[in-house]
C-alpha atoms as a PDB file:
ATOM      1  CA  UNK A   1     -41.339  50.014-113.906  1.00  0.00           C
ATOM      2  CA  UNK A   2     -38.901  47.361-113.680  1.00  0.00           C
ATOM      3  CA  UNK A   3     -41.495  44.637-112.489  1.00  0.00           C
ATOM      4  CA  UNK A   4     -43.763  45.619-115.119  1.00  0.00           C
ATOM      5  CA  UNK A   5     -41.201  44.878-117.693  1.00  0.00           C
ATOM      6  CA  UNK A   6     -40.408  41.559-116.288  1.00  0.00           C
ATOM      7  CA  UNK A   7     -44.031  40.478-114.971  1.00  0.00           C
ATOM      8  CA  UNK A   8     -46.959  40.704-116.939  1.00  0.00           C
ATOM      9  CA  UNK A   9     -50.147  42.426-116.048  1.00  0.00           C
ATOM     10  CA  UNK A  10     -51.984  39.729-114.084  1.00  0.00           C
ATOM     11  CA  UNK A  11     -55.485  38.224-115.408  1.00  0.00           C
ATOM     12  CA  UNK A  12     -57.338  36.234-113.008  1.00  0.00           C
ATOM     13  CA  UNK A  13     -57.735  32.475-114.496  1.00  0.00           C
ATOM     14  CA  UNK A  14     -55.377  32.987-117.356  1.00  0.00           C
ATOM     15  CA  UNK A  15     -52.129  31.392-117.568  1.00  0.00           C
ATOM     16  CA  UNK A  16     -49.053  33.893-116.777  1.00  0.00           C
ATOM     17  CA  UNK A  17     -47.004  32.567-119.949  1.00  0.00           C
ATOM     18  CA  UNK A  18     -48.481  32.333-123.426  1.00  0.00           C
ATOM     19  CA  UNK A  19     -49.991  29.098-124.036  1.00  0.00           C
ATOM     20  CA  UNK A  20     -49.696  28.946-127.977  1.00  0.00           C
ATOM     21  CA  UNK A  21     -45.911  28.150-128.008  1.00  0.00           C
ATOM     22  CA  UNK A  22     -44.211  25.133-126.201  1.00  0.00           C
ATOM     23  CA  UNK A  23     -42.035  27.436-124.277  1.00  0.00           C
ATOM     24  CA  UNK A  24     -45.019  29.179-122.812  1.00  0.00           C
ATOM     25  CA  UNK A  25     -46.515  26.023-121.642  1.00  0.00           C
ATOM     26  CA  UNK A  26     -43.289  24.375-120.301  1.00  0.00           C
ATOM     27  CA  UNK A  27     -42.693  27.534-118.185  1.00  0.00           C
ATOM     28  CA  UNK A  28     -46.472  27.358-117.122  1.00  0.00           C
ATOM     29  CA  UNK A  29     -46.178  23.658-116.009  1.00  0.00           C
ATOM     30  CA  UNK A  30     -43.035  24.444-114.513  1.00  0.00           C
ATOM     31  CA  UNK A  31     -44.907  26.290-112.109  1.00  0.00           C
ATOM     32  CA  UNK A  32     -47.729  23.820-111.691  1.00  0.00           C
ATOM     33  CA  UNK A  33     -45.225  20.972-110.879  1.00  0.00           C
ATOM     34  CA  UNK A  34     -43.139  23.106-108.489  1.00  0.00           C
ATOM     35  CA  UNK A  35     -42.251  20.559-105.608  1.00  0.00           C
ATOM     36  CA  UNK A  36     -41.875  23.739-103.275  1.00  0.00           C
ATOM     37  CA  UNK A  37     -46.014  24.147-103.580  1.00  0.00           C
ATOM     38  CA  UNK A  38     -46.184  20.780-101.465  1.00  0.00           C
ATOM     39  CA  UNK A  39     -44.850  22.626 -98.266  1.00  0.00           C
ATOM     40  CA  UNK A  40     -47.263  25.695 -98.829  1.00  0.00           C
ATOM     41  CA  UNK A  41     -49.073  25.862 -95.426  1.00  0.00           C
ATOM     42  CA  UNK A  42     -52.986  26.089 -95.190  1.00  0.00           C
ATOM     43  CA  UNK A  43     -52.646  29.373 -93.914  1.00  0.00           C
ATOM     44  CA  UNK A  44     -50.625  30.358 -96.790  1.00  0.00           C
ATOM     45  CA  UNK A  45     -53.159  28.830 -99.225  1.00  0.00           C
ATOM     46  CA  UNK A  46     -55.947  30.741 -97.604  1.00  0.00           C
ATOM     47  CA  UNK A  47     -54.294  34.038 -98.051  1.00  0.00           C
ATOM     48  CA  UNK A  48     -53.485  33.407-101.644  1.00  0.00           C
ATOM     49  CA  UNK A  49     -57.122  32.285-102.104  1.00  0.00           C
ATOM     50  CA  UNK A  50     -58.593  35.751-100.524  1.00  0.00           C
ATOM     51  CA  UNK A  51     -56.156  37.651-102.269  1.00  0.00           C
ATOM     52  CA  UNK A  52     -57.429  36.327-105.605  1.00  0.00           C
ATOM     53  CA  UNK A  53     -61.262  36.751-104.458  1.00  0.00           C
ATOM     54  CA  UNK A  54     -60.367  40.408-103.481  1.00  0.00           C
ATOM     55  CA  UNK A  55     -59.039  40.771-106.699  1.00  0.00           C
ATOM     56  CA  UNK A  56     -62.090  39.165-108.594  1.00  0.00           C
ATOM     57  CA  UNK A  57     -64.533  41.307-106.450  1.00  0.00           C
ATOM     58  CA  UNK A  58     -62.458  44.777-106.985  1.00  0.00           C
ATOM     59  CA  UNK A  59     -61.423  45.121-103.208  1.00  0.00           C
ATOM     60  CA  UNK A  60     -57.747  44.439-103.509  1.00  0.00           C
ATOM     61  CA  UNK A  61     -55.597  46.136-101.090  1.00  0.00           C
ATOM     62  CA  UNK A  62     -53.334  48.979-102.162  1.00  0.00           C
ATOM     63  CA  UNK A  63     -49.610  48.029-102.665  1.00  0.00           C
ATOM     64  CA  UNK A  64     -50.589  44.489-104.185  1.00  0.00           C
ATOM     65  CA  UNK A  65     -48.315  43.674-107.263  1.00  0.00           C
ATOM     66  CA  UNK A  66     -48.700  41.522-110.492  1.00  0.00           C
ATOM     67  CA  UNK A  67     -45.855  39.430-109.220  1.00  0.00           C
ATOM     68  CA  UNK A  68     -47.931  38.450-105.765  1.00  0.00           C
ATOM     69  CA  UNK A  69     -50.922  38.068-107.809  1.00  0.00           C
ATOM     70  CA  UNK A  70     -49.389  35.417-110.183  1.00  0.00           C
ATOM     71  CA  UNK A  71     -47.760  33.675-107.262  1.00  0.00           C
ATOM     72  CA  UNK A  72     -51.051  33.470-105.521  1.00  0.00           C
ATOM     73  CA  UNK A  73     -52.515  31.646-108.639  1.00  0.00           C
ATOM     74  CA  UNK A  74     -49.654  29.550-108.929  1.00  0.00           C
ATOM     75  CA  UNK A  75     -50.250  28.195-105.583  1.00  0.00           C
ATOM     76  CA  UNK A  76     -54.129  27.947-106.212  1.00  0.00           C
ATOM     77  CA  UNK A  77     -53.346  26.028-109.445  1.00  0.00           C
ATOM     78  CA  UNK A  78     -50.831  23.720-108.089  1.00  0.00           C
ATOM     79  CA  UNK A  79     -53.118  22.550-104.955  1.00  0.00           C
ATOM     80  CA  UNK A  80     -56.553  23.236-105.992  1.00  0.00           C
ATOM     81  CA  UNK A  81     -58.565  21.306-108.687  1.00  0.00           C
ATOM     82  CA  UNK A  82     -59.922  23.851-111.444  1.00  0.00           C
ATOM     83  CA  UNK A  83     -63.415  21.775-111.741  1.00  0.00           C
ATOM     84  CA  UNK A  84     -64.074  20.736-108.271  1.00  0.00           C
ATOM     85  CA  UNK A  85     -62.482  23.838-106.342  1.00  0.00           C
ATOM     86  CA  UNK A  86     -61.136  20.954-103.675  1.00  0.00           C
ATOM     87  CA  UNK A  87     -57.600  20.549-102.405  1.00  0.00           C
ATOM     88  CA  UNK A  88     -55.912  17.450-104.410  1.00  0.00           C
ATOM     89  CA  UNK A  89     -54.179  15.006-101.949  1.00  0.00           C
ATOM     90  CA  UNK A  90     -50.523  15.942-101.747  1.00  0.00           C
ATOM     91  CA  UNK A  91     -48.993  12.984-103.106  1.00  0.00           C
ATOM     92  CA  UNK A  92     -51.616  12.861-105.968  1.00  0.00           C
ATOM     93  CA  UNK A  93     -50.671  16.590-107.112  1.00  0.00           C
ATOM     94  CA  UNK A  94     -48.606  17.101-110.067  1.00  0.00           C
ATOM     95  CA  UNK A  95     -46.302  19.001-108.019  1.00  0.00           C
ATOM     96  CA  UNK A  96     -45.768  15.431-106.011  1.00  0.00           C
ATOM     97  CA  UNK A  97     -45.640  13.307-109.118  1.00  0.00           C
ATOM     98  CA  UNK A  98     -41.484  13.300-109.273  1.00  0.00           C
ATOM     99  CA  UNK A  99     -40.896  13.159-105.556  1.00  0.00           C
ATOM    100  CA  UNK A 100     -43.464  10.225-104.889  1.00  0.00           C
ATOM    101  CA  UNK A 101     -43.299   8.694-108.099  1.00  0.00           C
ATOM    102  CA  UNK A 102     -39.066   8.490-108.138  1.00  0.00           C
ATOM    103  CA  UNK A 103     -38.865   5.434-105.843  1.00  0.00           C
ATOM    104  CA  UNK A 104     -41.293   3.466-107.924  1.00  0.00           C
ATOM    105  CA  UNK A 105     -39.181   4.300-111.111  1.00  0.00           C
ATOM    106  CA  UNK A 106     -35.919   3.018-109.539  1.00  0.00           C
ATOM    107  CA  UNK A 107     -37.521  -0.022-108.598  1.00  0.00           C
ATOM    108  CA  UNK A 108     -38.926  -0.560-112.203  1.00  0.00           C
ATOM    109  CA  UNK A 109     -35.428   0.093-113.559  1.00  0.00           C
ATOM    110  CA  UNK A 110     -33.466  -2.099-110.917  1.00  0.00           C
ATOM    111  CA  UNK A 111     -31.211  -5.041-112.937  1.00  0.00           C
ATOM    112  CA  UNK A 112     -31.799  -8.753-112.518  1.00  0.00           C
ATOM    113  CA  UNK A 113     -35.662  -8.327-111.838  1.00  0.00           C
ATOM    114  CA  UNK A 114     -37.464 -11.832-110.730  1.00  0.00           C
ATOM    115  CA  UNK A 115     -41.124 -12.362-111.803  1.00  0.00           C
ATOM    116  CA  UNK A 116     -42.579 -11.470-108.358  1.00  0.00           C
ATOM    117  CA  UNK A 117     -40.540  -8.193-108.110  1.00  0.00           C
ATOM    118  CA  UNK A 118     -41.761  -7.392-111.679  1.00  0.00           C
ATOM    119  CA  UNK A 119     -45.412  -7.848-110.581  1.00  0.00           C
ATOM    120  CA  UNK A 120     -44.968  -5.627-107.454  1.00  0.00           C
ATOM    121  CA  UNK A 121     -43.233  -2.688-109.034  1.00  0.00           C
ATOM    122  CA  UNK A 122     -45.448  -2.819-112.072  1.00  0.00           C
ATOM    123  CA  UNK A 123     -48.604  -2.865-109.594  1.00  0.00           C
ATOM    124  CA  UNK A 124     -46.941  -0.131-107.644  1.00  0.00           C
ATOM    125  CA  UNK A 125     -46.416   2.283-110.695  1.00  0.00           C
ATOM    126  CA  UNK A 126     -49.869   1.577-112.259  1.00  0.00           C
ATOM    127  CA  UNK A 127     -51.807   1.978-108.805  1.00  0.00           C
ATOM    128  CA  UNK A 128     -49.752   5.515-108.463  1.00  0.00           C
ATOM    129  CA  UNK A 129     -50.469   6.460-111.687  1.00  0.00           C
ATOM    130  CA  UNK A 130     -54.392   5.540-111.464  1.00  0.00           C
ATOM    131  CA  UNK A 131     -54.522   7.528-108.422  1.00  0.00           C
ATOM    132  CA  UNK A 132     -52.920  10.559-110.020  1.00  0.00           C
ATOM    133  CA  UNK A 133     -54.985  10.118-112.995  1.00  0.00           C
ATOM    134  CA  UNK A 134     -58.082  10.249-111.109  1.00  0.00           C
ATOM    135  CA  UNK A 135     -57.326  13.059-108.906  1.00  0.00           C
ATOM    136  CA  UNK A 136     -56.254  15.374-112.018  1.00  0.00           C
ATOM    137  CA  UNK A 137     -59.179  14.344-114.423  1.00  0.00           C
ATOM    138  CA  UNK A 138     -61.635  16.473-115.713  1.00  0.00           C
ATOM    139  CA  UNK A 139     -64.207  16.453-113.139  1.00  0.00           C
ATOM    140  CA  UNK A 140     -66.845  18.282-114.675  1.00  0.00           C
ATOM    141  CA  UNK A 141     -68.873  15.077-114.635  1.00  0.00           C
ATOM    142  CA  UNK A 142     -69.311  12.432-111.496  1.00  0.00           C
ATOM    143  CA  UNK A 143     -67.333   9.177-111.862  1.00  0.00           C
ATOM    144  CA  UNK A 144     -68.641   5.968-110.194  1.00  0.00           C
ATOM    145  CA  UNK A 145     -66.105   4.235-108.158  1.00  0.00           C
ATOM    146  CA  UNK A 146     -67.135   1.182-110.054  1.00  0.00           C
ATOM    147  CA  UNK A 147     -65.558   2.812-113.243  1.00  0.00           C
ATOM    148  CA  UNK A 148     -62.333   3.612-111.115  1.00  0.00           C
ATOM    149  CA  UNK A 149     -61.980  -0.015-110.072  1.00  0.00           C
ATOM    150  CA  UNK A 150     -62.600  -1.192-113.830  1.00  0.00           C
ATOM    151  CA  UNK A 151     -59.893   1.226-114.938  1.00  0.00           C
ATOM    152  CA  UNK A 152     -57.412   0.547-111.878  1.00  0.00           C
ATOM    153  CA  UNK A 153     -57.663  -3.434-112.280  1.00  0.00           C
ATOM    154  CA  UNK A 154     -57.279  -2.970-116.409  1.00  0.00           C
ATOM    155  CA  UNK A 155     -54.091  -0.828-116.275  1.00  0.00           C
ATOM    156  CA  UNK A 156     -52.524  -3.081-113.479  1.00  0.00           C
ATOM    157  CA  UNK A 157     -53.336  -6.151-115.482  1.00  0.00           C
ATOM    158  CA  UNK A 158     -52.020  -4.886-118.765  1.00  0.00           C
ATOM    159  CA  UNK A 159     -48.898  -3.417-117.194  1.00  0.00           C
ATOM    160  CA  UNK A 160     -48.050  -6.805-115.367  1.00  0.00           C
ATOM    161  CA  UNK A 161     -49.105  -9.113-118.338  1.00  0.00           C
ATOM    162  CA  UNK A 162     -46.545  -7.317-120.841  1.00  0.00           C
ATOM    163  CA  UNK A 163     -43.479  -6.649-118.404  1.00  0.00           C
ATOM    164  CA  UNK A 164     -43.796 -10.268-117.285  1.00  0.00           C
ATOM    165  CA  UNK A 165     -44.522 -11.722-120.801  1.00  0.00           C
ATOM    166  CA  UNK A 166     -41.466  -9.763-122.228  1.00  0.00           C
ATOM    167  CA  UNK A 167     -38.865 -10.935-119.362  1.00  0.00           C
ATOM    168  CA  UNK A 168     -39.924 -14.497-120.150  1.00  0.00           C
ATOM    169  CA  UNK A 169     -39.301 -14.068-123.834  1.00  0.00           C
ATOM    170  CA  UNK A 170     -35.575 -12.562-123.166  1.00  0.00           C
ATOM    171  CA  UNK A 171     -34.873 -15.256-120.685  1.00  0.00           C
ATOM    172  CA  UNK A 172     -35.597 -17.947-123.368  1.00  0.00           C
ATOM    173  CA  UNK A 173     -33.689 -15.934-126.255  1.00  0.00           C
ATOM    174  CA  UNK A 174     -30.474 -18.048-125.939  1.00  0.00           C
ATOM    175  CA  UNK A 175     -28.717 -16.506-128.737  1.00  0.00           C
ATOM    176  CA  UNK A 176     -28.582 -13.101-127.044  1.00  0.00           C
ATOM    177  CA  UNK A 177     -25.287 -12.654-125.153  1.00  0.00           C
ATOM    178  CA  UNK A 178     -25.536 -11.915-121.089  1.00  0.00           C
ATOM    179  CA  UNK A 179     -24.822  -8.091-121.502  1.00  0.00           C
ATOM    180  CA  UNK A 180     -27.202  -7.662-124.469  1.00  0.00           C
ATOM    181  CA  UNK A 181     -29.822  -9.418-122.644  1.00  0.00           C
ATOM    182  CA  UNK A 182     -29.269  -7.136-119.319  1.00  0.00           C
ATOM    183  CA  UNK A 183     -29.425  -4.114-121.581  1.00  0.00           C
ATOM    184  CA  UNK A 184     -32.789  -5.647-122.964  1.00  0.00           C
ATOM    185  CA  UNK A 185     -34.129  -6.492-119.928  1.00  0.00           C
ATOM    186  CA  UNK A 186     -33.704  -3.024-118.360  1.00  0.00           C
ATOM    187  CA  UNK A 187     -35.861  -1.907-121.205  1.00  0.00           C
ATOM    188  CA  UNK A 188     -38.762  -3.625-120.595  1.00  0.00           C
ATOM    189  CA  UNK A 189     -40.370  -1.366-118.349  1.00  0.00           C
ATOM    190  CA  UNK A 190     -41.004   1.193-121.005  1.00  0.00           C
ATOM    191  CA  UNK A 191     -43.164  -0.750-123.599  1.00  0.00           C
ATOM    192  CA  UNK A 192     -45.114  -2.175-120.702  1.00  0.00           C
ATOM    193  CA  UNK A 193     -45.491   0.953-118.762  1.00  0.00           C
ATOM    194  CA  UNK A 194     -46.392   2.995-121.931  1.00  0.00           C
ATOM    195  CA  UNK A 195     -49.244   0.584-123.184  1.00  0.00           C
ATOM    196  CA  UNK A 196     -50.438   0.319-119.729  1.00  0.00           C
ATOM    197  CA  UNK A 197     -50.464   4.096-119.349  1.00  0.00           C
ATOM    198  CA  UNK A 198     -52.599   4.301-122.259  1.00  0.00           C
ATOM    199  CA  UNK A 199     -54.906   1.901-120.857  1.00  0.00           C
ATOM    200  CA  UNK A 200     -54.973   3.641-117.653  1.00  0.00           C
ATOM    201  CA  UNK A 201     -56.077   7.163-118.970  1.00  0.00           C
ATOM    202  CA  UNK A 202     -58.520   5.340-121.232  1.00  0.00           C
ATOM    203  CA  UNK A 203     -60.125   2.998-118.603  1.00  0.00           C
ATOM    204  CA  UNK A 204     -60.046   5.654-115.745  1.00  0.00           C
ATOM    205  CA  UNK A 205     -61.540   8.400-117.660  1.00  0.00           C
ATOM    206  CA  UNK A 206     -63.828   6.018-119.792  1.00  0.00           C
ATOM    207  CA  UNK A 207     -66.979   7.998-118.152  1.00  0.00           C
ATOM    208  CA  UNK A 208     -66.123  10.960-119.971  1.00  0.00           C
ATOM    209  CA  UNK A 209     -66.405   9.475-123.338  1.00  0.00           C
ATOM    210  CA  UNK A 210     -70.004   8.372-122.290  1.00  0.00           C
ATOM    211  CA  UNK A 211     -71.109  11.363-120.544  1.00  0.00           C
ATOM    212  CA  UNK A 212     -69.054  13.953-122.206  1.00  0.00           C
ATOM    213  CA  UNK A 213     -67.259  17.009-120.808  1.00  0.00           C
ATOM    214  CA  UNK A 214     -68.155  20.713-120.177  1.00  0.00           C
ATOM    215  CA  UNK A 215     -66.889  23.299-123.021  1.00  0.00           C
ATOM    216  CA  UNK A 216     -66.670  26.624-122.136  1.00  0.00           C
ATOM    217  CA  UNK A 217     -67.293  29.999-124.320  1.00  0.00           C
ATOM    218  CA  UNK A 218     -65.011  33.246-124.273  1.00  0.00           C
ATOM    219  CA  UNK A 219     -66.667  34.252-120.964  1.00  0.00           C
ATOM    220  CA  UNK A 220     -65.840  30.887-119.189  1.00  0.00           C
ATOM    221  CA  UNK A 221     -69.787  30.171-119.400  1.00  0.00           C
ATOM    222  CA  UNK A 222     -70.694  26.246-120.001  1.00  0.00           C
ATOM    223  CA  UNK A 223     -72.059  26.047-123.424  1.00  0.00           C
ATOM    224  CA  UNK A 224     -72.910  21.970-123.117  1.00  0.00           C
ATOM    225  CA  UNK A 225     -71.203  18.631-122.648  1.00  0.00           C
ATOM    226  CA  UNK A 226     -69.306  17.156-125.702  1.00  0.00           C
ATOM    227  CA  UNK A 227     -68.038  13.699-126.026  1.00  0.00           C
ATOM    228  CA  UNK A 228     -66.007  14.686-128.998  1.00  0.00           C
ATOM    229  CA  UNK A 229     -64.183  17.266-126.812  1.00  0.00           C
ATOM    230  CA  UNK A 230     -63.699  14.298-124.007  1.00  0.00           C
ATOM    231  CA  UNK A 231     -62.171  12.201-126.927  1.00  0.00           C
ATOM    232  CA  UNK A 232     -59.786  14.993-127.776  1.00  0.00           C
ATOM    233  CA  UNK A 233     -58.791  15.402-124.189  1.00  0.00           C
ATOM    234  CA  UNK A 234     -58.273  11.717-123.476  1.00  0.00           C
ATOM    235  CA  UNK A 235     -56.317  11.351-126.712  1.00  0.00           C
ATOM    236  CA  UNK A 236     -54.191  14.067-125.738  1.00  0.00           C
ATOM    237  CA  UNK A 237     -53.506  12.975-122.220  1.00  0.00           C
ATOM    238  CA  UNK A 238     -52.749   9.247-123.155  1.00  0.00           C
ATOM    239  CA  UNK A 239     -50.188  10.966-125.868  1.00  0.00           C
ATOM    240  CA  UNK A 240     -48.368  12.599-123.187  1.00  0.00           C
ATOM    241  CA  UNK A 241     -48.435   9.296-120.861  1.00  0.00           C
ATOM    242  CA  UNK A 242     -46.693   7.760-123.806  1.00  0.00           C
ATOM    243  CA  UNK A 243     -44.048  10.186-124.070  1.00  0.00           C
ATOM    244  CA  UNK A 244     -43.492  10.807-120.110  1.00  0.00           C
ATOM    245  CA  UNK A 245     -41.683   7.312-119.747  1.00  0.00           C
ATOM    246  CA  UNK A 246     -39.741   7.418-122.921  1.00  0.00           C
ATOM    247  CA  UNK A 247     -36.796   9.278-121.468  1.00  0.00           C
ATOM    248  CA  UNK A 248     -37.424   7.744-117.906  1.00  0.00           C
ATOM    249  CA  UNK A 249     -37.125   4.372-118.809  1.00  0.00           C
ATOM    250  CA  UNK A 250     -34.638   4.372-121.950  1.00  0.00           C
ATOM    251  CA  UNK A 251     -32.158   6.727-120.842  1.00  0.00           C
ATOM    252  CA  UNK A 252     -31.150   5.439-117.462  1.00  0.00           C
ATOM    253  CA  UNK A 253     -30.432   2.006-118.605  1.00  0.00           C
ATOM    254  CA  UNK A 254     -28.155   3.223-121.188  1.00  0.00           C
ATOM    255  CA  UNK A 255     -26.517   5.583-118.890  1.00  0.00           C
ATOM    256  CA  UNK A 256     -26.085   3.080-116.164  1.00  0.00           C
ATOM    257  CA  UNK A 257     -24.684   0.592-118.536  1.00  0.00           C
ATOM    258  CA  UNK A 258     -21.957   2.895-119.112  1.00  0.00           C
ATOM    259  CA  UNK A 259     -21.554   4.156-115.681  1.00  0.00           C
ATOM    260  CA  UNK A 260     -21.296   0.560-114.530  1.00  0.00           C
ATOM    261  CA  UNK A 261     -18.137   0.091-116.709  1.00  0.00           C
ATOM    262  CA  UNK A 262     -16.155   2.803-114.952  1.00  0.00           C
ATOM    263  CA  UNK A 263     -13.374   1.860-112.505  1.00  0.00           C
ATOM    264  CA  UNK A 264     -14.585   3.981-109.876  1.00  0.00           C
ATOM    265  CA  UNK A 265     -17.895   2.316-109.607  1.00  0.00           C
ATOM    266  CA  UNK A 266     -16.501  -1.103-110.095  1.00  0.00           C
ATOM    267  CA  UNK A 267     -14.546  -0.577-106.791  1.00  0.00           C
ATOM    268  CA  UNK A 268     -17.225   1.023-104.971  1.00  0.00           C
ATOM    269  CA  UNK A 269     -20.395  -1.005-105.717  1.00  0.00           C
ATOM    270  CA  UNK A 270     -22.274   0.605-102.613  1.00  0.00           C
ATOM    271  CA  UNK A 271     -22.452   3.614-104.842  1.00  0.00           C
ATOM    272  CA  UNK A 272     -24.365   2.060-107.606  1.00  0.00           C
ATOM    273  CA  UNK A 273     -27.879   2.358-106.133  1.00  0.00           C
ATOM    274  CA  UNK A 274     -27.408   6.029-105.147  1.00  0.00           C
ATOM    275  CA  UNK A 275     -26.082   6.877-108.643  1.00  0.00           C
ATOM    276  CA  UNK A 276     -28.760   4.996-110.442  1.00  0.00           C
ATOM    277  CA  UNK A 277     -31.443   6.825-107.846  1.00  0.00           C
ATOM    278  CA  UNK A 278     -29.860  10.167-109.043  1.00  0.00           C
ATOM    279  CA  UNK A 279     -29.844   9.242-112.839  1.00  0.00           C
ATOM    280  CA  UNK A 280     -33.816   8.607-112.425  1.00  0.00           C
ATOM    281  CA  UNK A 281     -34.330  11.412-110.468  1.00  0.00           C
ATOM    282  CA  UNK A 282     -32.772  13.851-113.192  1.00  0.00           C
ATOM    283  CA  UNK A 283     -34.376  12.063-116.184  1.00  0.00           C
ATOM    284  CA  UNK A 284     -37.764  12.076-114.485  1.00  0.00           C
ATOM    285  CA  UNK A 285     -37.289  15.635-113.608  1.00  0.00           C
ATOM    286  CA  UNK A 286     -36.609  16.466-116.927  1.00  0.00           C
ATOM    287  CA  UNK A 287     -39.031  14.454-118.952  1.00  0.00           C
ATOM    288  CA  UNK A 288     -42.245  15.359-116.791  1.00  0.00           C
ATOM    289  CA  UNK A 289     -42.698  19.299-117.727  1.00  0.00           C
ATOM    290  CA  UNK A 290     -41.567  18.089-121.133  1.00  0.00           C
ATOM    291  CA  UNK A 291     -44.226  15.679-121.540  1.00  0.00           C
ATOM    292  CA  UNK A 292     -46.952  17.508-120.248  1.00  0.00           C
ATOM    293  CA  UNK A 293     -46.171  21.023-122.073  1.00  0.00           C
ATOM    294  CA  UNK A 294     -47.183  19.237-125.341  1.00  0.00           C
ATOM    295  CA  UNK A 295     -50.887  20.208-125.041  1.00  0.00           C
ATOM    296  CA  UNK A 296     -52.513  23.065-122.926  1.00  0.00           C
ATOM    297  CA  UNK A 297     -54.485  22.022-120.094  1.00  0.00           C
ATOM    298  CA  UNK A 298     -57.279  24.177-120.911  1.00  0.00           C
ATOM    299  CA  UNK A 299     -57.498  23.323-124.787  1.00  0.00           C
ATOM    300  CA  UNK A 300     -59.393  24.899-127.493  1.00  0.00           C
ATOM    301  CA  UNK A 301     -61.738  23.344-130.431  1.00  0.00           C
ATOM    302  CA  UNK A 302     -63.348  24.902-133.229  1.00  0.00           C
ATOM    303  CA  UNK A 303     -67.405  24.593-132.587  1.00  0.00           C
ATOM    304  CA  UNK A 304     -67.787  23.515-136.057  1.00  0.00           C
ATOM    305  CA  UNK A 305     -65.900  20.114-134.846  1.00  0.00           C
ATOM    306  CA  UNK A 306     -68.309  19.386-132.146  1.00  0.00           C
ATOM    307  CA  UNK A 307     -71.866  18.126-131.935  1.00  0.00           C
ATOM    308  CA  UNK A 308     -74.708  20.225-133.556  1.00  0.00           C
ATOM    309  CA  UNK A 309     -76.158  21.300-130.279  1.00  0.00           C
ATOM    310  CA  UNK A 310     -72.985  22.804-128.847  1.00  0.00           C
ATOM    311  CA  UNK A 311     -72.882  24.722-132.024  1.00  0.00           C
ATOM    312  CA  UNK A 312     -76.498  25.978-131.872  1.00  0.00           C
ATOM    313  CA  UNK A 313     -76.008  27.267-128.211  1.00  0.00           C
ATOM    314  CA  UNK A 314     -73.175  29.724-128.745  1.00  0.00           C
ATOM    315  CA  UNK A 315     -72.001  32.105-131.202  1.00  0.00           C
ATOM    316  CA  UNK A 316     -68.418  31.383-130.434  1.00  0.00           C
ATOM    317  CA  UNK A 317     -66.186  29.969-133.056  1.00  0.00           C
ATOM    318  CA  UNK A 318     -64.095  28.431-130.449  1.00  0.00           C
ATOM    319  CA  UNK A 319     -64.561  26.670-127.127  1.00  0.00           C
ATOM    320  CA  UNK A 320     -62.201  25.639-124.282  1.00  0.00           C
ATOM    321  CA  UNK A 321     -62.385  22.453-122.226  1.00  0.00           C
ATOM    322  CA  UNK A 322     -59.969  21.318-119.430  1.00  0.00           C
ATOM    323  CA  UNK A 323     -57.745  18.308-120.939  1.00  0.00           C
ATOM    324  CA  UNK A 324     -56.952  17.222-117.425  1.00  0.00           C
ATOM    325  CA  UNK A 325     -53.132  16.322-116.604  1.00  0.00           C
END
């Protein structure tokens, strides 16, 4: 009785938490990006998949609780791609985004960057983002390798160009005091990363705009392919990619400019990098679930807003599509 009050009845393929509210989506994505799922063994994953398959076919063993089913689905959603049904490479899962991305964020925010170091860190960041975007894309339509490479080159070029250009401008701004120049220079990664993230998502997923993505009816049946739904999916994902780096690249420079003035850190300069790393890790850990919770992963759109052939193929007023992450 206590479990049923705390744990809702299990529904296969449905989120545990209400997706109509931001708080519900936040709790849902906190499960998806839970780093503990990175350590799930192959045997444990197979057990979870079998449990869910048994439930689907009405062959569930006695004594299995709703909590166990929700946990099995959480593990599946964190590891298995919803469209391909295949395992996502561990460093490219959303649960690995913070652990594997934090070292790059720390590098991007290091003070006194040279042109070479700026290029290297921006290249690493966009390489990581490109691979994560590809691994978590809507995969209802195949994507040629050439499209992936075009998107990758475009994202890296835009990020490096903006970052290097802004750094050069700041160094030529003689009217700024050294302290002001230092703070502004530390904030350079944000506009570079935010604009490059838009390019990254747009270029990496451009194939969806030309081919369309599958939309599903209330029973999960594919109604057709929609370019309009693809545009909505990419726009929503790009927006989250602008919001995501905002606290990551703005808060740490401001916080560190204050902490560096503390006597304790001035006397113990060796602690600056560990403290800087901790600040980056905390802001990254907080901003990721907040950003991706802005929209549900499985979004809905009115049929009347889509192509006429979609409306003719279903009686549903709303259809669902995988936005991607």
